[in-house]
PDB file of N, CA and C in Angstrom:
ATOM      1  N   MET A   1       0.714  80.511-107.878  1.00  0.00           N
ATOM      2  CA  MET A   1       1.549  81.314-107.022  1.00  0.00           C
ATOM      3  C   MET A   1       1.591  80.700-105.635  1.00  0.00           C
ATOM      4  N   SER A   2       2.718  80.866-104.996  1.00  0.00           N
ATOM      5  CA  SER A   2       2.831  80.357-103.639  1.00  0.00           C
ATOM      6  C   SER A   2       3.326  81.469-102.737  1.00  0.00           C
ATOM      7  N   GLY A   3       3.189  81.245-101.440  1.00  0.00           N
ATOM      8  CA  GLY A   3       3.655  82.251-100.495  1.00  0.00           C
ATOM      9  C   GLY A   3       2.530  83.139-100.038  1.00  0.00           C
ATOM     10  N   ALA A   4       2.861  83.933 -99.063  1.00  0.00           N
ATOM     11  CA  ALA A   4       1.861  84.803 -98.447  1.00  0.00           C
ATOM     12  C   ALA A   4       1.821  86.163 -99.127  1.00  0.00           C
ATOM     13  N   THR A   5       0.685  86.803 -98.997  1.00  0.00           N
ATOM     14  CA  THR A   5       0.524  88.160 -99.495  1.00  0.00           C
ATOM     15  C   THR A   5       1.403  89.103 -98.680  1.00  0.00           C
ATOM     16  N   TYR A   6       1.959  90.110 -99.339  1.00  0.00           N
ATOM     17  CA  TYR A   6       2.814  91.099 -98.679  1.00  0.00           C
ATOM     18  C   TYR A   6       2.050  91.745 -97.527  1.00  0.00           C
ATOM     19  N   GLU A   7       2.652  91.757 -96.360  1.00  0.00           N
ATOM     20  CA  GLU A   7       2.004  92.328 -95.177  1.00  0.00           C
ATOM     21  C   GLU A   7       2.042  93.853 -95.235  1.00  0.00           C
ATOM     22  N   THR A   8       0.909  94.470 -95.057  1.00  0.00           N
ATOM     23  CA  THR A   8       0.827  95.926 -95.051  1.00  0.00           C
ATOM     24  C   THR A   8      -0.328  96.349 -94.157  1.00  0.00           C
ATOM     25  N   THR A   9      -0.244  97.551 -93.657  1.00  0.00           N
ATOM     26  CA  THR A   9      -1.396  98.121 -92.969  1.00  0.00           C
ATOM     27  C   THR A   9      -2.221  98.851 -94.018  1.00  0.00           C
ATOM     28  N   TRP A  10      -3.467  99.118 -93.679  1.00  0.00           N
ATOM     29  CA  TRP A  10      -4.386  99.766 -94.610  1.00  0.00           C
ATOM     30  C   TRP A  10      -4.763 101.122 -94.045  1.00  0.00           C
ATOM     31  N   LEU A  11      -4.661 102.151 -94.872  1.00  0.00           N
ATOM     32  CA  LEU A  11      -4.924 103.520 -94.440  1.00  0.00           C
ATOM     33  C   LEU A  11      -6.248 104.029 -94.993  1.00  0.00           C
ATOM     34  N   SER A  12      -7.051 104.626 -94.121  1.00  0.00           N
ATOM     35  CA  SER A  12      -8.292 105.287 -94.533  1.00  0.00           C
ATOM     36  C   SER A  12      -7.933 106.647 -95.127  1.00  0.00           C
ATOM     37  N   LEU A  13      -8.914 107.321 -95.708  1.00  0.00           N
ATOM     38  CA  LEU A  13      -8.642 108.655 -96.256  1.00  0.00           C
ATOM     39  C   LEU A  13      -8.112 109.618 -95.194  1.00  0.00           C
ATOM     40  N   PRO A  14      -8.721 109.710 -93.997  1.00  0.00           N
ATOM     41  CA  PRO A  14      -8.158 110.600 -92.978  1.00  0.00           C
ATOM     42  C   PRO A  14      -6.720 110.222 -92.596  1.00  0.00           C
ATOM     43  N   GLU A  15      -6.425 108.930 -92.565  1.00  0.00           N
ATOM     44  CA  GLU A  15      -5.059 108.496 -92.256  1.00  0.00           C
ATOM     45  C   GLU A  15      -4.099 108.840 -93.389  1.00  0.00           C
ATOM     46  N   LEU A  16      -4.573 108.779 -94.634  1.00  0.00           N
ATOM     47  CA  LEU A  16      -3.753 109.190 -95.775  1.00  0.00           C
ATOM     48  C   LEU A  16      -3.453 110.681 -95.721  1.00  0.00           C
ATOM     49  N   VAL A  17      -4.460 111.469 -95.342  1.00  0.00           N
ATOM     50  CA  VAL A  17      -4.256 112.915 -95.190  1.00  0.00           C
ATOM     51  C   VAL A  17      -3.140 113.157 -94.179  1.00  0.00           C
ATOM     52  N   GLU A  18      -3.202 112.455 -93.065  1.00  0.00           N
ATOM     53  CA  GLU A  18      -2.184 112.615 -92.024  1.00  0.00           C
ATOM     54  C   GLU A  18      -0.815 112.118 -92.495  1.00  0.00           C
ATOM     55  N   ALA A  19      -0.778 110.975 -93.155  1.00  0.00           N
ATOM     56  CA  ALA A  19       0.490 110.377 -93.583  1.00  0.00           C
ATOM     57  C   ALA A  19       1.191 111.195 -94.656  1.00  0.00           C
ATOM     58  N   THR A  20       0.404 111.837 -95.529  1.00  0.00           N
ATOM     59  CA  THR A  20       0.991 112.600 -96.633  1.00  0.00           C
ATOM     60  C   THR A  20       1.159 114.077 -96.318  1.00  0.00           C
ATOM     61  N   GLY A  21       0.404 114.563 -95.342  1.00  0.00           N
ATOM     62  CA  GLY A  21       0.429 115.996 -95.062  1.00  0.00           C
ATOM     63  C   GLY A  21      -0.321 116.806 -96.105  1.00  0.00           C
ATOM     64  N   GLU A  22      -1.105 116.119 -96.919  1.00  0.00           N
ATOM     65  CA  GLU A  22      -1.873 116.775 -97.984  1.00  0.00           C
ATOM     66  C   GLU A  22      -3.320 116.972 -97.537  1.00  0.00           C
ATOM     67  N   THR A  23      -4.044 117.791 -98.282  1.00  0.00           N
ATOM     68  CA  THR A  23      -5.465 117.984 -98.005  1.00  0.00           C
ATOM     69  C   THR A  23      -6.251 116.772 -98.501  1.00  0.00           C
ATOM     70  N   LEU A  24      -7.473 116.628 -98.024  1.00  0.00           N
ATOM     71  CA  LEU A  24      -8.326 115.536 -98.474  1.00  0.00           C
ATOM     72  C   LEU A  24      -8.560 115.623 -99.978  1.00  0.00           C
ATOM     73  N   SER A  25      -8.763 116.827-100.497  1.00  0.00           N
ATOM     74  CA  SER A  25      -9.003 116.960-101.937  1.00  0.00           C
ATOM     75  C   SER A  25      -7.764 116.549-102.733  1.00  0.00           C
ATOM     76  N   ARG A  26      -6.580 116.844-102.226  1.00  0.00           N
ATOM     77  CA  ARG A  26      -5.343 116.439-102.915  1.00  0.00           C
ATOM     78  C   ARG A  26      -5.180 114.917-102.869  1.00  0.00           C
ATOM     79  N   VAL A  27      -5.510 114.298-101.738  1.00  0.00           N
ATOM     80  CA  VAL A  27      -5.435 112.840-101.627  1.00  0.00           C
ATOM     81  C   VAL A  27      -6.421 112.196-102.606  1.00  0.00           C
ATOM     82  N   ARG A  28      -7.622 112.747-102.697  1.00  0.00           N
ATOM     83  CA  ARG A  28      -8.605 112.219-103.660  1.00  0.00           C
ATOM     84  C   ARG A  28      -8.086 112.364-105.094  1.00  0.00           C
ATOM     85  N   ARG A  29      -7.404 113.471-105.375  1.00  0.00           N
ATOM     86  CA  ARG A  29      -6.831 113.685-106.710  1.00  0.00           C
ATOM     87  C   ARG A  29      -5.751 112.633-106.992  1.00  0.00           C
ATOM     88  N   MET A  30      -4.940 112.312-105.977  1.00  0.00           N
ATOM     89  CA  MET A  30      -3.922 111.260-106.146  1.00  0.00           C
ATOM     90  C   MET A  30      -4.574 109.938-106.543  1.00  0.00           C
ATOM     91  N   LEU A  31      -5.706 109.644-105.934  1.00  0.00           N
ATOM     92  CA  LEU A  31      -6.443 108.425-106.274  1.00  0.00           C
ATOM     93  C   LEU A  31      -7.016 108.517-107.687  1.00  0.00           C
ATOM     94  N   ASP A  32      -7.602 109.657-108.031  1.00  0.00           N
ATOM     95  CA  ASP A  32      -8.170 109.850-109.370  1.00  0.00           C
ATOM     96  C   ASP A  32      -7.099 109.746-110.453  1.00  0.00           C
ATOM     97  N   GLU A  33      -5.892 110.246-110.147  1.00  0.00           N
ATOM     98  CA  GLU A  33      -4.789 110.256-111.113  1.00  0.00           C
ATOM     99  C   GLU A  33      -3.988 108.955-111.097  1.00  0.00           C
ATOM    100  N   ARG A  34      -4.433 107.983-110.330  1.00  0.00           N
ATOM    101  CA  ARG A  34      -3.795 106.672-110.216  1.00  0.00           C
ATOM    102  C   ARG A  34      -2.384 106.745-109.636  1.00  0.00           C
ATOM    103  N   GLN A  35      -2.101 107.786-108.844  1.00  0.00           N
ATOM    104  CA  GLN A  35      -0.848 107.802-108.092  1.00  0.00           C
ATOM    105  C   GLN A  35      -0.957 106.827-106.930  1.00  0.00           C
ATOM    106  N   LEU A  36      -2.181 106.606-106.483  1.00  0.00           N
ATOM    107  CA  LEU A  36      -2.516 105.640-105.440  1.00  0.00           C
ATOM    108  C   LEU A  36      -3.753 104.874-105.885  1.00  0.00           C
ATOM    109  N   VAL A  37      -3.973 103.735-105.259  1.00  0.00           N
ATOM    110  CA  VAL A  37      -5.171 102.948-105.541  1.00  0.00           C
ATOM    111  C   VAL A  37      -5.660 102.363-104.223  1.00  0.00           C
ATOM    112  N   GLY A  38      -6.974 102.271-104.108  1.00  0.00           N
ATOM    113  CA  GLY A  38      -7.548 101.749-102.877  1.00  0.00           C
ATOM    114  C   GLY A  38      -8.664 100.765-103.154  1.00  0.00           C
ATOM    115  N   THR A  39      -9.148 100.180-102.086  1.00  0.00           N
ATOM    116  CA  THR A  39     -10.236  99.216-102.156  1.00  0.00           C
ATOM    117  C   THR A  39     -11.248  99.535-101.067  1.00  0.00           C
ATOM    118  N   ARG A  40     -12.488  99.210-101.314  1.00  0.00           N
ATOM    119  CA  ARG A  40     -13.531  99.452-100.309  1.00  0.00           C
ATOM    120  C   ARG A  40     -13.675  98.232 -99.415  1.00  0.00           C
ATOM    121  N   ARG A  41     -13.599  98.476 -98.119  1.00  0.00           N
ATOM    122  CA  ARG A  41     -13.816  97.431 -97.118  1.00  0.00           C
ATOM    123  C   ARG A  41     -14.738  97.997 -96.065  1.00  0.00           C
ATOM    124  N   ASP A  42     -15.836  97.313 -95.839  1.00  0.00           N
ATOM    125  CA  ASP A  42     -16.848  97.783 -94.885  1.00  0.00           C
ATOM    126  C   ASP A  42     -17.265  99.223 -95.181  1.00  0.00           C
ATOM    127  N   GLY A  43     -17.355  99.559 -96.471  1.00  0.00           N
ATOM    128  CA  GLY A  43     -17.809 100.874 -96.884  1.00  0.00           C
ATOM    129  C   GLY A  43     -16.757 101.964 -96.878  1.00  0.00           C
ATOM    130  N   LYS A  44     -15.548 101.666 -96.374  1.00  0.00           N
ATOM    131  CA  LYS A  44     -14.492 102.677 -96.318  1.00  0.00           C
ATOM    132  C   LYS A  44     -13.438 102.389 -97.377  1.00  0.00           C
ATOM    133  N   LEU A  45     -12.946 103.454 -98.020  1.00  0.00           N
ATOM    134  CA  LEU A  45     -11.859 103.309 -98.972  1.00  0.00           C
ATOM    135  C   LEU A  45     -10.556 103.188 -98.197  1.00  0.00           C
ATOM    136  N   LEU A  46      -9.801 102.133 -98.484  1.00  0.00           N
ATOM    137  CA  LEU A  46      -8.538 101.886 -97.800  1.00  0.00           C
ATOM    138  C   LEU A  46      -7.424 101.700 -98.820  1.00  0.00           C
ATOM    139  N   VAL A  47      -6.239 102.218 -98.485  1.00  0.00           N
ATOM    140  CA  VAL A  47      -5.071 102.151 -99.356  1.00  0.00           C
ATOM    141  C   VAL A  47      -3.945 101.451 -98.597  1.00  0.00           C
ATOM    142  N   PRO A  48      -3.258 100.501 -99.231  1.00  0.00           N
ATOM    143  CA  PRO A  48      -2.128  99.866 -98.557  1.00  0.00           C
ATOM    144  C   PRO A  48      -1.039 100.894 -98.222  1.00  0.00           C
ATOM    145  N   SER A  49      -0.585 100.882 -96.983  1.00  0.00           N
ATOM    146  CA  SER A  49       0.425 101.863 -96.563  1.00  0.00           C
ATOM    147  C   SER A  49       1.738 101.687 -97.313  1.00  0.00           C
ATOM    148  N   VAL A  50       2.008 100.487 -97.808  1.00  0.00           N
ATOM    149  CA  VAL A  50       3.246 100.230 -98.532  1.00  0.00           C
ATOM    150  C   VAL A  50       3.304 101.018 -99.846  1.00  0.00           C
ATOM    151  N   PHE A  51       2.163 101.536-100.301  1.00  0.00           N
ATOM    152  CA  PHE A  51       2.142 102.344-101.516  1.00  0.00           C
ATOM    153  C   PHE A  51       2.689 103.747-101.277  1.00  0.00           C
ATOM    154  N   LEU A  52       2.963 104.091-100.018  1.00  0.00           N
ATOM    155  CA  LEU A  52       3.570 105.379 -99.663  1.00  0.00           C
ATOM    156  C   LEU A  52       5.018 105.163 -99.246  1.00  0.00           C
ATOM    157  N   VAL A  53       5.887 106.061 -99.680  1.00  0.00           N
ATOM    158  CA  VAL A  53       7.286 106.059 -99.264  1.00  0.00           C
ATOM    159  C   VAL A  53       7.620 107.473 -98.820  1.00  0.00           C
ATOM    160  N   ASP A  54       8.027 107.609 -97.573  1.00  0.00           N
ATOM    161  CA  ASP A  54       8.343 108.928 -97.007  1.00  0.00           C
ATOM    162  C   ASP A  54       7.194 109.913 -97.193  1.00  0.00           C
ATOM    163  N   GLY A  55       5.960 109.433 -97.004  1.00  0.00           N
ATOM    164  CA  GLY A  55       4.792 110.291 -97.061  1.00  0.00           C
ATOM    165  C   GLY A  55       4.315 110.655 -98.451  1.00  0.00           C
ATOM    166  N   GLU A  56       4.878 110.017 -99.471  1.00  0.00           N
ATOM    167  CA  GLU A  56       4.474 110.295-100.855  1.00  0.00           C
ATOM    168  C   GLU A  56       4.167 108.984-101.571  1.00  0.00           C
ATOM    169  N   PRO A  57       3.315 109.043-102.601  1.00  0.00           N
ATOM    170  CA  PRO A  57       3.057 107.828-103.368  1.00  0.00           C
ATOM    171  C   PRO A  57       4.355 107.299-103.983  1.00  0.00           C
ATOM    172  N   LEU A  58       4.541 105.990-103.947  1.00  0.00           N
ATOM    173  CA  LEU A  58       5.688 105.361-104.588  1.00  0.00           C
ATOM    174  C   LEU A  58       5.705 105.782-106.051  1.00  0.00           C
ATOM    175  N   GLY A  59       6.805 106.371-106.495  1.00  0.00           N
ATOM    176  CA  GLY A  59       6.882 106.956-107.829  1.00  0.00           C
ATOM    177  C   GLY A  59       6.566 106.001-108.966  1.00  0.00           C
ATOM    178  N   SER A  60       6.973 104.753-108.832  1.00  0.00           N
ATOM    179  CA  SER A  60       6.773 103.782-109.909  1.00  0.00           C
ATOM    180  C   SER A  60       5.391 103.139-109.894  1.00  0.00           C
ATOM    181  N   LEU A  61       4.586 103.477-108.899  1.00  0.00           N
ATOM    182  CA  LEU A  61       3.270 102.848-108.779  1.00  0.00           C
ATOM    183  C   LEU A  61       2.314 103.298-109.879  1.00  0.00           C
ATOM    184  N   ARG A  62       2.288 104.588-110.190  1.00  0.00           N
ATOM    185  CA  ARG A  62       1.309 105.120-111.147  1.00  0.00           C
ATOM    186  C   ARG A  62       1.409 104.432-112.512  1.00  0.00           C
ATOM    187  N   GLY A  63       2.600 104.372-113.069  1.00  0.00           N
ATOM    188  CA  GLY A  63       2.769 103.740-114.375  1.00  0.00           C
ATOM    189  C   GLY A  63       2.407 102.270-114.363  1.00  0.00           C
ATOM    190  N   THR A  64       2.731 101.613-113.264  1.00  0.00           N
ATOM    191  CA  THR A  64       2.395 100.198-113.123  1.00  0.00           C
ATOM    192  C   THR A  64       0.882 100.017-113.050  1.00  0.00           C
ATOM    193  N   LEU A  65       0.207 100.880-112.302  1.00  0.00           N
ATOM    194  CA  LEU A  65      -1.259 100.815-112.228  1.00  0.00           C
ATOM    195  C   LEU A  65      -1.891 101.055-113.596  1.00  0.00           C
ATOM    196  N   ILE A  66      -1.343 101.979-114.355  1.00  0.00           N
ATOM    197  CA  ILE A  66      -1.869 102.255-115.694  1.00  0.00           C
ATOM    198  C   ILE A  66      -1.743 101.012-116.573  1.00  0.00           C
ATOM    199  N   VAL A  67      -0.574 100.350-116.522  1.00  0.00           N
ATOM    200  CA  VAL A  67      -0.387  99.115-117.297  1.00  0.00           C
ATOM    201  C   VAL A  67      -1.415  98.067-116.878  1.00  0.00           C
ATOM    202  N   LEU A  68      -1.590  97.874-115.573  1.00  0.00           N
ATOM    203  CA  LEU A  68      -2.544  96.871-115.090  1.00  0.00           C
ATOM    204  C   LEU A  68      -3.973  97.201-115.520  1.00  0.00           C
ATOM    205  N   HIS A  69      -4.355  98.462-115.419  1.00  0.00           N
ATOM    206  CA  HIS A  69      -5.711  98.836-115.836  1.00  0.00           C
ATOM    207  C   HIS A  69      -5.884  98.680-117.346  1.00  0.00           C
ATOM    208  N   ASP A  70      -4.831  98.979-118.111  1.00  0.00           N
ATOM    209  CA  ASP A  70      -4.888  98.767-119.557  1.00  0.00           C
ATOM    210  C   ASP A  70      -5.058  97.286-119.899  1.00  0.00           C
ATOM    211  N   ARG A  71      -4.582  96.407-119.022  1.00  0.00           N
ATOM    212  CA  ARG A  71      -4.715  94.965-119.214  1.00  0.00           C
ATOM    213  C   ARG A  71      -6.053  94.449-118.691  1.00  0.00           C
ATOM    214  N   GLY A  72      -6.922  95.353-118.203  1.00  0.00           N
ATOM    215  CA  GLY A  72      -8.259  94.964-117.782  1.00  0.00           C
ATOM    216  C   GLY A  72      -8.420  94.701-116.296  1.00  0.00           C
ATOM    217  N   PHE A  73      -7.398  94.997-115.504  1.00  0.00           N
ATOM    218  CA  PHE A  73      -7.487  94.774-114.057  1.00  0.00           C
ATOM    219  C   PHE A  73      -8.367  95.828-113.395  1.00  0.00           C
ATOM    220  N   THR A  74      -9.180  95.396-112.449  1.00  0.00           N
ATOM    221  CA  THR A  74      -9.907  96.337-111.595  1.00  0.00           C
ATOM    222  C   THR A  74      -8.937  96.833-110.525  1.00  0.00           C
ATOM    223  N   ASP A  75      -9.352  97.836-109.757  1.00  0.00           N
ATOM    224  CA  ASP A  75      -8.507  98.313-108.663  1.00  0.00           C
ATOM    225  C   ASP A  75      -8.202  97.191-107.678  1.00  0.00           C
ATOM    226  N   ASP A  76      -9.221  96.423-107.304  1.00  0.00           N
ATOM    227  CA  ASP A  76      -9.019  95.321-106.360  1.00  0.00           C
ATOM    228  C   ASP A  76      -8.052  94.278-106.912  1.00  0.00           C
ATOM    229  N   GLU A  77      -8.199  93.945-108.184  1.00  0.00           N
ATOM    230  CA  GLU A  77      -7.300  92.966-108.806  1.00  0.00           C
ATOM    231  C   GLU A  77      -5.875  93.497-108.877  1.00  0.00           C
ATOM    232  N   ALA A  78      -5.720  94.781-109.170  1.00  0.00           N
ATOM    233  CA  ALA A  78      -4.386  95.384-109.233  1.00  0.00           C
ATOM    234  C   ALA A  78      -3.709  95.337-107.865  1.00  0.00           C
ATOM    235  N   ILE A  79      -4.458  95.684-106.824  1.00  0.00           N
ATOM    236  CA  ILE A  79      -3.902  95.638-105.469  1.00  0.00           C
ATOM    237  C   ILE A  79      -3.497  94.211-105.118  1.00  0.00           C
ATOM    238  N   GLU A  80      -4.378  93.261-105.402  1.00  0.00           N
ATOM    239  CA  GLU A  80      -4.076  91.859-105.095  1.00  0.00           C
ATOM    240  C   GLU A  80      -2.809  91.406-105.817  1.00  0.00           C
ATOM    241  N   TRP A  81      -2.680  91.743-107.095  1.00  0.00           N
ATOM    242  CA  TRP A  81      -1.498  91.346-107.862  1.00  0.00           C
ATOM    243  C   TRP A  81      -0.237  91.999-107.295  1.00  0.00           C
ATOM    244  N   LEU A  82      -0.310  93.269-106.972  1.00  0.00           N
ATOM    245  CA  LEU A  82       0.861  93.972-106.446  1.00  0.00           C
ATOM    246  C   LEU A  82       1.343  93.393-105.121  1.00  0.00           C
ATOM    247  N   LEU A  83       0.431  92.917-104.301  1.00  0.00           N
ATOM    248  CA  LEU A  83       0.782  92.434-102.967  1.00  0.00           C
ATOM    249  C   LEU A  83       1.039  90.925-102.902  1.00  0.00           C
ATOM    250  N   SER A  84       0.749  90.201-103.971  1.00  0.00           N
ATOM    251  CA  SER A  84       0.889  88.739-103.969  1.00  0.00           C
ATOM    252  C   SER A  84       2.210  88.319-104.606  1.00  0.00           C
ATOM    253  N   PRO A  85       2.772  87.198-104.144  1.00  0.00           N
ATOM    254  CA  PRO A  85       4.008  86.702-104.760  1.00  0.00           C
ATOM    255  C   PRO A  85       3.804  86.456-106.252  1.00  0.00           C
ATOM    256  N   GLU A  86       4.789  86.834-107.038  1.00  0.00           N
ATOM    257  CA  GLU A  86       4.747  86.640-108.494  1.00  0.00           C
ATOM    258  C   GLU A  86       5.933  85.743-108.856  1.00  0.00           C
ATOM    259  N   GLU A  87       5.635  84.516-109.284  1.00  0.00           N
ATOM    260  CA  GLU A  87       6.683  83.531-109.545  1.00  0.00           C
ATOM    261  C   GLU A  87       7.749  84.040-110.500  1.00  0.00           C
ATOM    262  N   SER A  88       7.368  84.754-111.524  1.00  0.00           N
ATOM    263  CA  SER A  88       8.328  85.160-112.551  1.00  0.00           C
ATOM    264  C   SER A  88       9.360  86.168-112.048  1.00  0.00           C
ATOM    265  N   ILE A  89       9.071  86.851-110.935  1.00  0.00           N
ATOM    266  CA  ILE A  89      10.064  87.784-110.382  1.00  0.00           C
ATOM    267  C   ILE A  89      10.551  87.355-108.998  1.00  0.00           C
ATOM    268  N   GLY A  90       9.975  86.298-108.463  1.00  0.00           N
ATOM    269  CA  GLY A  90      10.463  85.730-107.220  1.00  0.00           C
ATOM    270  C   GLY A  90       9.956  86.362-105.937  1.00  0.00           C
ATOM    271  N   VAL A  91       9.329  87.505-106.034  1.00  0.00           N
ATOM    272  CA  VAL A  91       8.765  88.207-104.872  1.00  0.00           C
ATOM    273  C   VAL A  91       7.483  88.893-105.321  1.00  0.00           C
ATOM    274  N   SER A  92       6.833  89.588-104.411  1.00  0.00           N
ATOM    275  CA  SER A  92       5.643  90.340-104.820  1.00  0.00           C
ATOM    276  C   SER A  92       6.067  91.532-105.677  1.00  0.00           C
ATOM    277  N   PRO A  93       5.232  91.937-106.616  1.00  0.00           N
ATOM    278  CA  PRO A  93       5.559  93.095-107.440  1.00  0.00           C
ATOM    279  C   PRO A  93       5.851  94.354-106.618  1.00  0.00           C
ATOM    280  N   ILE A  94       5.141  94.559-105.500  1.00  0.00           N
ATOM    281  CA  ILE A  94       5.405  95.761-104.710  1.00  0.00           C
ATOM    282  C   ILE A  94       6.816  95.727-104.141  1.00  0.00           C
ATOM    283  N   GLU A  95       7.302  94.543-103.754  1.00  0.00           N
ATOM    284  CA  GLU A  95       8.680  94.440-103.261  1.00  0.00           C
ATOM    285  C   GLU A  95       9.670  94.818-104.361  1.00  0.00           C
ATOM    286  N   SER A  96       9.402  94.381-105.584  1.00  0.00           N
ATOM    287  CA  SER A  96      10.268  94.734-106.708  1.00  0.00           C
ATOM    288  C   SER A  96      10.228  96.226-106.992  1.00  0.00           C
ATOM    289  N   LEU A  97       9.041  96.817-106.935  1.00  0.00           N
ATOM    290  CA  LEU A  97       8.937  98.264-107.153  1.00  0.00           C
ATOM    291  C   LEU A  97       9.702  99.023-106.078  1.00  0.00           C
ATOM    292  N   LEU A  98       9.578  98.593-104.835  1.00  0.00           N
ATOM    293  CA  LEU A  98      10.297  99.251-103.742  1.00  0.00           C
ATOM    294  C   LEU A  98      11.807  99.119-103.905  1.00  0.00           C
ATOM    295  N   ALA A  99      12.247  98.047-104.578  1.00  0.00           N
ATOM    296  CA  ALA A  99      13.673  97.823-104.819  1.00  0.00           C
ATOM    297  C   ALA A  99      14.159  98.522-106.087  1.00  0.00           C
ATOM    298  N   GLY A 100      13.262  99.258-106.763  1.00  0.00           N
ATOM    299  CA  GLY A 100      13.654 100.001-107.958  1.00  0.00           C
ATOM    300  C   GLY A 100      13.619  99.192-109.240  1.00  0.00           C
ATOM    301  N   ARG A 101      12.921  98.078-109.244  1.00  0.00           N
ATOM    302  CA  ARG A 101      12.875  97.205-110.416  1.00  0.00           C
ATOM    303  C   ARG A 101      11.565  97.359-111.177  1.00  0.00           C
ATOM    304  N   LYS A 102      11.215  98.604-111.527  1.00  0.00           N
ATOM    305  CA  LYS A 102       9.920  98.851-112.171  1.00  0.00           C
ATOM    306  C   LYS A 102       9.835  98.266-113.575  1.00  0.00           C
ATOM    307  N   SER A 103      10.940  98.265-114.329  1.00  0.00           N
ATOM    308  CA  SER A 103      10.887  97.725-115.692  1.00  0.00           C
ATOM    309  C   SER A 103      10.504  96.259-115.683  1.00  0.00           C
ATOM    310  N   GLU A 104      11.080  95.504-114.758  1.00  0.00           N
ATOM    311  CA  GLU A 104      10.770  94.083-114.637  1.00  0.00           C
ATOM    312  C   GLU A 104       9.298  93.875-114.283  1.00  0.00           C
ATOM    313  N   VAL A 105       8.802  94.657-113.338  1.00  0.00           N
ATOM    314  CA  VAL A 105       7.408  94.538-112.907  1.00  0.00           C
ATOM    315  C   VAL A 105       6.469  94.886-114.058  1.00  0.00           C
ATOM    316  N   ARG A 106       6.761  95.949-114.762  1.00  0.00           N
ATOM    317  CA  ARG A 106       5.875  96.365-115.861  1.00  0.00           C
ATOM    318  C   ARG A 106       5.915  95.379-117.019  1.00  0.00           C
ATOM    319  N   ARG A 107       7.083  94.781-117.267  1.00  0.00           N
ATOM    320  CA  ARG A 107       7.182  93.770-118.319  1.00  0.00           C
ATOM    321  C   ARG A 107       6.256  92.594-117.995  1.00  0.00           C
ATOM    322  N   VAL A 108       6.295  92.143-116.740  1.00  0.00           N
ATOM    323  CA  VAL A 108       5.421  91.044-116.320  1.00  0.00           C
ATOM    324  C   VAL A 108       3.956  91.485-116.400  1.00  0.00           C
ATOM    325  N   ALA A 109       3.664  92.687-115.932  1.00  0.00           N
ATOM    326  CA  ALA A 109       2.286  93.197-115.944  1.00  0.00           C
ATOM    327  C   ALA A 109       1.733  93.259-117.370  1.00  0.00           C
ATOM    328  N   GLN A 110       2.582  93.633-118.333  1.00  0.00           N
ATOM    329  CA  GLN A 110       2.124  93.729-119.718  1.00  0.00           C
ATOM    330  C   GLN A 110       1.778  92.372-120.309  1.00  0.00           C
ATOM    331  N   SER A 111       2.322  91.315-119.724  1.00  0.00           N
ATOM    332  CA  SER A 111       2.047  89.970-120.246  1.00  0.00           C
ATOM    333  C   SER A 111       0.790  89.352-119.631  1.00  0.00           C
ATOM    334  N   LEU A 112       0.177  90.046-118.697  1.00  0.00           N
ATOM    335  CA  LEU A 112      -1.005  89.526-118.001  1.00  0.00           C
ATOM    336  C   LEU A 112      -2.284  89.834-118.764  1.00  0.00           C
ATOM    337  N   GLY A 113      -3.360  89.201-118.315  1.00  0.00           N
ATOM    338  CA  GLY A 113      -4.674  89.506-118.868  1.00  0.00           C
ATOM    339  C   GLY A 113      -4.949  88.645-120.030  1.00  0.00           C
TER     340      GLY A 113
END
């Protein structure tokens, strides 16, 4: 793969609560239900802000995360794949998901692992 990783800010749980307008328990449920995914950095769970659209989890993210986890990806690996350029689709998978191209992203994801 070539190119840079998709630029995003990283949100802590309190920042996710603020960004979504949801309670902390609801945000944790979103993570448990794979509507969102995060990574631990310096002991804090952080979620890429690009995974939110208008204060809600990107609708196509959950199914894509399920496919990636079914293929054996860890949360960290799934985040890295979503944010990194993917040669077969020409851009990062998150860019394709944001453009409404979830079928293409999931097809590629199913071929991984």
